[in-house]
Amino acid sequence: MAQEVDAILLSSLIDIEELYEYAPCGYFSFLPDGTIIKINNTLLGWLAYQRNDVVNLKKITDLILKGNRIHYEMFFRPMINVSGTVKELNYDLIKSNGEILPALINANAIKDENNNLLAINVSVYDITDRKKYEQELLFARKNADAEKKRFEALTHLIPEIVFTADSTGNIDYVNKRFFEYFKLSSEKFDSKLIISKLNPPDKIRTVKTWLANIASGQNIELELCLCPQTDKREWHLVRAIPYKNSDGIITKWFGSCSNINTHVEALQRKDEFINIASHELKTPITSIKAYLQILEMSDIPPTYKSYVEKASSNVKNLQFLISNLLDVTIINSGQLQLNYSDFSLTKLAHECMEQINVSVHTHTITIENPANELFNIAADKERIREVIINLLNNAIKYSPEAEDDSFWK
């Protein structure tokens, strides 16, 4: 009994005609000559037609644009006769008010036992939103292409090499300056071509630094040598920054490569000059030191002997400064060596004070140390001496009384 009730209830719930009329997609059927013989309410609503205005009165060619009619005759009809199906055709249907309904059409043929075509059933899907999306996508793509062309046009005017790379660091664009600099006739390039232009000793270091920064997402800045010709090397500064989308994900890298060879050569010439000058100064300083040593061993009044000792101390300081000039290359490379020793900071401060007092007569320098403690420390004595003397000189130079002292003007 329960099964009979369920069957009755199920049959009452399932109304095939009702499902057909109000399905989420449109349906219609037409004869081989195109005459529409059936259409559901969904499609009628989309096209703003009454059923009596369509059924047996209009043909499928009356509901589609002229361009689609040509396609219907040349493709749709032969295909439906041969294979019996047509899938996913984009047709523009004409509404009663003349507006257009973008539609996706699927069709199936109904044939008799002799394979004669009786009618065609068609399902219609409204793809208005999809068309809008496709148009927006096409518009965005056109804008992107236009922006790309503008970007490339601007980079071609820049005298530096400009490049872009994808999120993985693979360089996918270089401007014309790249090809001009390396005298390349073809604008086809790949990573191997770029790597081949690096100075051989720099290749491994450059690639490692590049990949490490790409992985970390940090800005890239490195100096390297490029080889525009086999026997030529020129220094360049490469900079690159990541571009992130709204989600903070790196999608692109933008970079430049500037020729700094003139600047590097100027620095090298400066270092060479300092080295030569330092070596040339050594000879007269050594002579002065020798004469002072002779004076120290001579029988001279105590007052003059004190002056000679102070002069000898200053000569030692001058030798130290010259030695620093000789180490300028090491200083620039950040590899300066410190000579640690144990000494009294108090005594060193007194020595620096006496050294300053000899040349400055407008100021009096005193050291407050009531306990007379030595304050022994472990440091580079000559470096600390430089710091103290610089502090004292600056204190004197920028004090009001220094205005009348021509030594500091």
Protein backbone atom coordinates (compact mmCIF):
# COMPACT_ATOMS: atom_id res chain seq x y z
CA MET A 1 0.00 0.00 0.00
CA ALA A 2 2.81 2.37 0.95
CA GLN A 3 4.55 1.72 -2.35
CA GLU A 4 1.33 2.58 -4.24
CA VAL A 5 0.97 5.85 -2.29
CA ASP A 6 4.60 6.73 -2.98
CA ALA A 7 4.17 6.05 -6.69
CA ILE A 8 1.08 8.25 -6.84
CA LEU A 9 2.79 11.01 -4.87
CA LEU A 10 5.91 10.80 -7.05
CA SER A 11 3.92 10.99 -10.27
CA SER A 12 2.07 14.06 -8.99
CA LEU A 13 5.34 15.78 -8.16
CA ILE A 14 6.87 15.14 -11.56
CA ASP A 15 5.19 17.26 -14.25
CA ILE A 16 7.32 17.02 -17.38
CA GLU A 17 5.53 19.85 -19.11
CA GLU A 18 5.93 22.12 -16.10
CA LEU A 19 9.66 21.39 -15.98
CA TYR A 20 9.91 22.10 -19.69
CA GLU A 21 8.07 25.43 -19.55
CA TYR A 22 9.97 26.92 -16.60
CA ALA A 23 13.39 25.33 -17.00
CA PRO A 24 16.43 27.56 -16.24
CA CYS A 25 17.30 27.43 -19.94
CA GLY A 26 15.26 28.05 -23.08
CA TYR A 27 13.84 25.30 -25.28
CA PHE A 28 12.23 25.33 -28.68
CA SER A 29 11.62 22.90 -31.54
CA PHE A 30 11.35 23.57 -35.27
CA LEU A 31 10.65 21.66 -38.46
CA PRO A 32 13.26 20.96 -41.19
CA ASP A 33 12.09 24.10 -43.01
CA GLY A 34 12.80 26.15 -39.88
CA THR A 35 9.23 26.71 -38.70
CA ILE A 36 9.05 26.88 -34.89
CA ILE A 37 6.46 24.45 -33.54
CA LYS A 38 7.14 24.63 -29.81
CA ILE A 39 8.82 27.05 -27.38
CA ASN A 40 8.96 27.22 -23.58
CA ASN A 41 8.00 30.13 -21.31
CA THR A 42 11.61 30.74 -20.29
CA LEU A 43 12.73 31.55 -23.82
CA LEU A 44 9.54 33.51 -24.54
CA GLY A 45 10.31 35.66 -21.48
CA TRP A 46 13.89 36.27 -22.60
CA LEU A 47 12.75 37.29 -26.09
CA ALA A 48 9.69 39.24 -24.84
CA TYR A 49 7.33 37.35 -27.21
CA GLN A 50 3.87 35.87 -26.77
CA ARG A 51 3.51 32.22 -27.71
CA ASN A 52 0.91 33.00 -30.38
CA ASP A 53 3.37 35.40 -32.04
CA VAL A 54 5.97 32.66 -32.53
CA VAL A 55 4.55 29.13 -32.80
CA ASN A 56 3.86 28.20 -36.45
CA LEU A 57 4.45 31.81 -37.46
CA LYS A 58 8.17 32.37 -37.16
CA LYS A 59 11.15 30.43 -38.34
CA ILE A 60 14.49 30.06 -36.58
CA THR A 61 16.05 32.41 -39.14
CA ASP A 62 13.57 35.10 -37.95
CA LEU A 63 15.07 34.94 -34.44
CA ILE A 64 18.77 35.18 -35.31
CA LEU A 65 20.93 37.92 -36.79
CA LYS A 66 21.72 38.06 -40.48
CA GLY A 67 25.32 36.91 -40.01
CA ASN A 68 24.07 33.93 -37.99
CA ARG A 69 21.60 33.06 -40.77
CA ILE A 70 24.49 32.51 -43.18
CA HIS A 71 26.20 30.30 -40.63
CA TYR A 72 22.92 28.44 -40.06
CA GLU A 73 22.57 27.62 -43.74
CA MET A 74 26.23 26.73 -44.33
CA PHE A 75 27.04 24.91 -41.10
CA PHE A 76 24.06 24.22 -38.83
CA ARG A 77 21.78 22.50 -41.32
CA PRO A 78 24.44 20.27 -42.95
CA MET A 79 25.76 19.26 -39.52
CA ILE A 80 22.33 18.42 -38.09
CA ASN A 81 21.52 16.32 -41.19
CA VAL A 82 24.78 14.40 -41.08
CA SER A 83 25.56 13.90 -37.38
CA GLY A 84 22.22 14.70 -35.80
CA THR A 85 23.74 17.04 -33.22
CA VAL A 86 25.17 20.53 -33.02
CA LYS A 87 26.96 21.61 -29.83
CA GLU A 88 27.78 24.99 -28.32
CA LEU A 89 27.14 27.45 -31.11
CA ASN A 90 27.17 31.16 -30.26
CA TYR A 91 24.14 32.77 -31.88
CA ASP A 92 22.71 36.24 -31.25
CA LEU A 93 18.91 36.02 -30.89
CA ILE A 94 16.70 39.01 -31.70
CA LYS A 95 14.18 40.10 -29.06
CA SER A 96 10.78 41.52 -29.98
CA ASN A 97 12.06 45.05 -29.25
CA GLY A 98 15.10 44.56 -31.50
CA GLU A 99 17.60 44.06 -28.68
CA ILE A 100 20.13 41.23 -28.86
CA LEU A 101 20.31 38.18 -26.59
CA PRO A 102 23.71 36.43 -26.72
CA ALA A 103 22.95 32.71 -26.60
CA LEU A 104 24.71 29.35 -26.54
CA ILE A 105 22.80 26.74 -28.61
CA ASN A 106 22.80 22.95 -28.57
CA ALA A 107 20.60 21.00 -30.99
CA ASN A 108 19.49 17.37 -31.47
CA ALA A 109 17.70 15.94 -34.54
CA ILE A 110 14.55 13.78 -34.36
CA LYS A 111 14.46 11.25 -37.21
CA ASP A 112 12.13 8.43 -38.28
CA GLU A 113 13.12 4.81 -38.86
CA ASN A 114 14.22 5.70 -42.38
CA ASN A 115 16.58 8.39 -41.05
CA ASN A 116 14.39 11.17 -42.36
CA LEU A 117 14.61 14.41 -40.41
CA LEU A 118 11.33 15.18 -38.62
CA ALA A 119 12.24 18.04 -36.25
CA ILE A 120 15.07 19.62 -34.29
CA ASN A 121 15.05 20.21 -30.53
CA VAL A 122 17.17 23.15 -29.37
CA SER A 123 18.33 24.19 -25.90
CA VAL A 124 19.28 27.83 -25.39
CA TYR A 125 21.49 29.31 -22.63
CA ASP A 126 21.60 33.03 -21.90
CA ILE A 127 25.30 34.03 -22.00
CA THR A 128 24.82 37.77 -21.63
CA ASP A 129 26.95 37.87 -18.47
CA ARG A 130 29.62 35.74 -20.10
CA LYS A 131 29.70 38.04 -23.12
CA LYS A 132 30.07 41.05 -20.85
CA TYR A 133 32.89 39.30 -19.05
CA GLU A 134 34.54 38.40 -22.37
CA GLN A 135 34.23 42.00 -23.54
CA GLU A 136 35.68 43.30 -20.29
CA LEU A 137 38.47 40.75 -20.54
CA LEU A 138 39.14 41.74 -24.14
CA PHE A 139 39.10 45.42 -23.17
CA ALA A 140 41.49 44.76 -20.27
CA ARG A 141 43.77 42.79 -22.57
CA LYS A 142 43.79 45.61 -25.11
CA ASN A 143 44.59 48.07 -22.34
CA ALA A 144 47.36 45.80 -21.06
CA ASP A 145 48.80 45.52 -24.57
CA ALA A 146 48.62 49.28 -24.99
CA GLU A 147 50.33 49.84 -21.62
CA LYS A 148 53.00 47.32 -22.56
CA LYS A 149 53.66 49.13 -25.84
CA ARG A 150 53.85 52.48 -24.03
CA PHE A 151 56.23 51.00 -21.46
CA GLU A 152 58.45 49.56 -24.19
CA ALA A 153 58.38 52.85 -26.12
CA LEU A 154 59.53 54.73 -23.02
CA THR A 155 62.27 52.22 -22.19
CA HIS A 156 63.66 52.50 -25.71
CA LEU A 157 64.31 56.21 -25.05
CA ILE A 158 66.29 55.50 -21.86
CA PRO A 159 70.08 55.32 -22.32
CA GLU A 160 70.32 52.57 -19.70
CA ILE A 161 69.50 48.88 -20.09
CA VAL A 162 65.98 48.24 -18.79
CA PHE A 163 64.56 44.78 -18.21
CA THR A 164 61.69 42.88 -16.66
CA ALA A 165 61.55 39.39 -15.19
CA ASP A 166 58.74 37.05 -14.18
CA SER A 167 58.09 35.98 -10.58
CA THR A 168 60.77 33.27 -10.81
CA GLY A 169 63.44 35.75 -11.93
CA ASN A 170 63.51 34.69 -15.57
CA ILE A 171 64.21 37.81 -17.65
CA ASP A 172 61.46 38.14 -20.25
CA TYR A 173 62.07 41.62 -21.69
CA VAL A 174 65.01 43.93 -22.42
CA ASN A 175 64.93 47.28 -24.19
CA LYS A 176 66.79 48.23 -27.36
CA ARG A 177 69.74 49.55 -25.39
CA PHE A 178 70.64 45.94 -24.48
CA PHE A 179 70.99 44.96 -28.13
CA GLU A 180 72.78 48.19 -29.02
CA TYR A 181 75.29 47.82 -26.19
CA PHE A 182 76.15 44.22 -27.06
CA LYS A 183 75.86 44.88 -30.83
CA LEU A 184 73.31 42.10 -31.34
CA SER A 185 71.41 42.02 -34.61
CA SER A 186 68.65 39.70 -33.43
CA GLU A 187 66.20 40.72 -30.71
CA LYS A 188 65.72 37.12 -29.65
CA PHE A 189 67.34 36.41 -26.33
CA ASP A 190 67.28 33.97 -23.42
CA SER A 191 68.92 33.61 -20.02
CA LYS A 192 71.93 31.83 -21.52
CA LEU A 193 72.63 34.85 -23.74
CA ILE A 194 72.50 37.21 -20.75
CA ILE A 195 74.70 34.99 -18.58
CA SER A 196 77.21 34.71 -21.43
CA LYS A 197 77.71 38.50 -21.26
CA LEU A 198 78.84 38.40 -17.62
CA ASN A 199 82.50 38.59 -16.74
CA PRO A 200 83.46 34.90 -16.20
CA PRO A 201 84.74 35.37 -12.59
CA ASP A 202 81.46 37.12 -11.67
CA LYS A 203 79.01 34.57 -13.09
CA ILE A 204 78.59 32.29 -10.09
CA ARG A 205 78.43 35.17 -7.59
CA THR A 206 75.93 37.10 -9.70
CA VAL A 207 73.62 34.14 -10.32
CA LYS A 208 73.68 33.15 -6.62
CA THR A 209 72.89 36.70 -5.49
CA TRP A 210 70.13 37.04 -8.08
CA LEU A 211 68.42 33.76 -7.11
CA ALA A 212 68.74 34.48 -3.38
CA ASN A 213 67.05 37.89 -3.74
CA ILE A 214 64.35 36.49 -6.01
CA ALA A 215 63.58 33.82 -3.39
CA SER A 216 63.47 36.34 -0.53
CA GLY A 217 61.61 39.02 -2.50
CA GLN A 218 64.17 41.68 -1.51
CA ASN A 219 65.31 44.52 -3.72
CA ILE A 220 68.34 43.66 -5.81
CA GLU A 221 71.43 45.86 -6.07
CA LEU A 222 74.77 44.52 -7.19
CA GLU A 223 77.84 45.64 -9.11
CA LEU A 224 79.18 43.43 -11.88
CA CYS A 225 81.29 43.46 -15.01
CA LEU A 226 79.67 43.02 -18.41
CA CYS A 227 81.55 42.08 -21.56
CA PRO A 228 80.25 43.98 -24.62
CA GLN A 229 83.22 42.54 -26.51
CA THR A 230 85.55 39.61 -25.95
CA ASP A 231 88.46 41.78 -24.78
CA LYS A 232 86.43 44.49 -23.02
CA ARG A 233 85.06 44.70 -19.47
CA GLU A 234 82.85 47.46 -18.09
CA TRP A 235 81.38 47.88 -14.62
CA HIS A 236 77.59 48.12 -14.25
CA LEU A 237 75.18 48.62 -11.36
CA VAL A 238 72.11 46.37 -11.55
CA ARG A 239 69.00 47.29 -9.60
CA ALA A 240 65.67 45.44 -9.54
CA ILE A 241 62.51 45.78 -7.46
CA PRO A 242 59.54 43.39 -7.17
CA TYR A 243 56.00 44.29 -8.23
CA LYS A 244 53.29 42.79 -6.03
CA ASN A 245 49.59 42.35 -6.80
CA SER A 246 46.74 43.23 -4.43
CA ASP A 247 47.30 39.96 -2.54
CA GLY A 248 50.95 40.82 -1.89
CA ILE A 249 52.24 38.18 -4.32
CA ILE A 250 55.21 39.06 -6.53
CA THR A 251 54.16 38.86 -10.17
CA LYS A 252 56.92 40.83 -11.86
CA TRP A 253 60.39 42.30 -11.41
CA PHE A 254 61.42 45.64 -12.92
CA GLY A 255 65.10 46.47 -13.21
CA SER A 256 67.78 48.64 -14.75
CA CYS A 257 71.45 48.22 -15.55
CA SER A 258 73.55 51.41 -15.39
CA ASN A 259 77.06 51.77 -16.73
CA ILE A 260 79.26 52.93 -13.82
CA ASN A 261 82.59 52.15 -15.45
CA THR A 262 83.69 55.83 -15.49
CA HIS A 263 82.88 56.19 -11.80
CA VAL A 264 84.71 52.98 -10.86
CA GLU A 265 87.75 53.99 -12.89
CA ALA A 266 87.77 57.40 -11.17
CA LEU A 267 87.77 55.70 -7.78
CA GLN A 268 90.59 53.45 -8.89
CA ARG A 269 92.62 56.46 -10.07
CA LYS A 270 91.96 58.17 -6.73
CA ASP A 271 93.22 55.10 -4.85
CA GLU A 272 96.29 54.98 -7.07
CA PHE A 273 96.98 58.66 -6.40
CA ILE A 274 96.63 58.18 -2.64
CA ASN A 275 98.96 55.19 -2.73
CA ILE A 276 101.59 57.07 -4.72
CA ALA A 277 101.28 60.20 -2.56
CA SER A 278 101.53 58.13 0.62
CA HIS A 279 104.68 56.42 -0.60
CA GLU A 280 106.21 59.76 -1.62
CA LEU A 281 105.46 61.24 1.82
CA LYS A 282 107.24 58.42 3.57
CA THR A 283 110.71 59.63 2.52
CA PRO A 284 110.57 63.20 3.99
CA ILE A 285 108.81 61.93 7.13
CA THR A 286 111.55 59.35 7.65
CA SER A 287 114.18 62.10 7.27
CA ILE A 288 112.41 64.36 9.80
CA LYS A 289 112.17 61.46 12.24
CA ALA A 290 115.90 60.78 11.87
CA TYR A 291 116.83 64.44 12.57
CA LEU A 292 114.56 64.47 15.63
CA GLN A 293 116.22 61.33 16.93
CA ILE A 294 119.61 63.04 16.53
CA LEU A 295 118.31 66.06 18.47
CA GLU A 296 116.95 63.80 21.22
CA MET A 297 120.45 62.31 21.67
CA SER A 298 122.09 65.75 21.59
CA ASP A 299 122.90 67.87 24.59
CA ILE A 300 120.10 70.45 24.38
CA PRO A 301 118.28 72.40 27.10
CA PRO A 302 115.41 70.50 28.82
CA THR A 303 112.77 72.88 27.43
CA TYR A 304 113.84 72.23 23.84
CA LYS A 305 114.17 68.54 24.59
CA SER A 306 110.47 68.52 25.56
CA TYR A 307 109.62 70.22 22.26
CA VAL A 308 111.64 67.62 20.35
CA GLU A 309 109.80 64.78 22.15
CA LYS A 310 106.43 66.30 21.26
CA ALA A 311 107.57 66.77 17.67
CA SER A 312 108.64 63.12 17.55
CA SER A 313 105.25 62.07 18.90
CA ASN A 314 103.50 64.05 16.17
CA VAL A 315 105.77 62.56 13.53
CA LYS A 316 104.69 59.11 14.73
CA ASN A 317 101.07 60.17 14.43
CA LEU A 318 101.73 61.46 10.92
CA GLN A 319 103.36 58.14 10.00
CA PHE A 320 100.26 56.39 11.28
CA LEU A 321 97.98 58.57 9.15
CA ILE A 322 100.10 57.92 6.08
CA SER A 323 99.95 54.21 6.81
CA ASN A 324 96.15 54.54 6.88
CA LEU A 325 96.21 56.14 3.44
CA LEU A 326 98.14 53.15 2.17
CA ASP A 327 95.39 50.94 3.52
CA VAL A 328 92.63 52.84 1.68
CA THR A 329 91.86 49.88 -0.56
CA ILE A 330 91.36 47.66 2.47
CA ILE A 331 89.19 50.32 4.11
CA ASN A 332 86.96 50.58 1.02
CA SER A 333 86.52 46.83 0.95
CA GLY A 334 85.49 46.77 4.62
CA GLN A 335 88.44 44.62 5.69
CA LEU A 336 90.27 47.09 7.95
CA GLN A 337 92.40 45.31 10.58
CA LEU A 338 92.42 46.52 14.19
CA ASN A 339 95.57 46.21 16.31
CA TYR A 340 94.39 45.51 19.87
CA SER A 341 96.59 46.30 22.88
CA ASP A 342 96.19 47.15 26.58
CA PHE A 343 96.76 50.84 27.40
CA SER A 344 95.60 53.61 29.70
CA LEU A 345 92.83 55.69 28.22
CA THR A 346 93.62 58.46 30.71
CA LYS A 347 97.25 58.69 29.63
CA LEU A 348 96.25 58.67 25.98
CA ALA A 349 93.78 61.50 26.62
CA HIS A 350 96.57 63.52 28.27
CA GLU A 351 98.83 62.93 25.26
CA CYS A 352 96.09 64.08 22.87
CA MET A 353 95.41 67.14 25.04
CA GLU A 354 99.09 68.12 25.01
CA GLN A 355 99.24 67.63 21.25
CA ILE A 356 96.29 69.98 20.72
CA ASN A 357 97.56 72.57 23.21
CA VAL A 358 100.77 72.96 21.21
CA SER A 359 98.92 74.31 18.14
CA VAL A 360 95.92 76.02 19.78
CA HIS A 361 96.36 79.03 22.05
CA THR A 362 92.78 80.31 22.26
CA HIS A 363 91.45 77.45 24.38
CA THR A 364 92.42 75.62 27.52
CA ILE A 365 91.77 71.86 27.61
CA THR A 366 91.54 70.12 30.97
CA ILE A 367 90.78 66.57 32.03
CA GLU A 368 88.64 66.03 35.09
CA ASN A 369 89.78 62.88 36.86
CA PRO A 370 89.63 63.43 40.63
CA ALA A 371 90.54 59.82 41.41
CA ASN A 372 93.39 59.89 38.93
CA GLU A 373 92.31 56.48 37.64
CA LEU A 374 94.10 55.00 34.65
CA PHE A 375 91.07 53.41 32.97
CA ASN A 376 93.00 50.67 31.20
CA ILE A 377 91.25 49.30 28.12
CA ALA A 378 91.92 46.82 25.30
CA ALA A 379 91.53 48.50 21.92
CA ASP A 380 93.40 49.83 18.89
CA LYS A 381 95.34 52.68 20.51
CA GLU A 382 95.99 54.68 17.35
CA ARG A 383 92.35 54.50 16.28
CA ILE A 384 91.23 55.72 19.70
CA ARG A 385 93.82 58.51 19.48
CA GLU A 386 92.24 59.59 16.17
CA VAL A 387 88.79 59.66 17.74
CA ILE A 388 89.89 61.77 20.74
CA ILE A 389 91.83 64.26 18.59
CA ASN A 390 88.90 64.63 16.19
CA LEU A 391 86.52 65.25 19.10
CA LEU A 392 88.83 67.90 20.59
CA ASN A 393 89.39 69.59 17.22
CA ASN A 394 85.65 69.74 16.54
CA ALA A 395 84.96 71.07 20.03
CA ILE A 396 87.45 73.88 19.46
CA LYS A 397 86.43 74.52 15.86
CA TYR A 398 82.73 75.00 16.65
CA SER A 399 83.10 76.93 19.94
CA PRO A 400 82.41 80.71 19.90
CA GLU A 401 86.00 81.63 20.75
CA ALA A 402 87.24 79.84 17.62
CA GLU A 403 85.93 82.71 15.46
CA ASP A 404 89.03 84.80 16.25
CA ASP A 405 91.46 81.95 15.61
CA SER A 406 92.51 82.00 11.96
CA PHE A 407 93.76 78.44 12.29
CA TRP A 408 90.16 77.15 12.33
CA LYS A 409 88.66 79.45 9.70
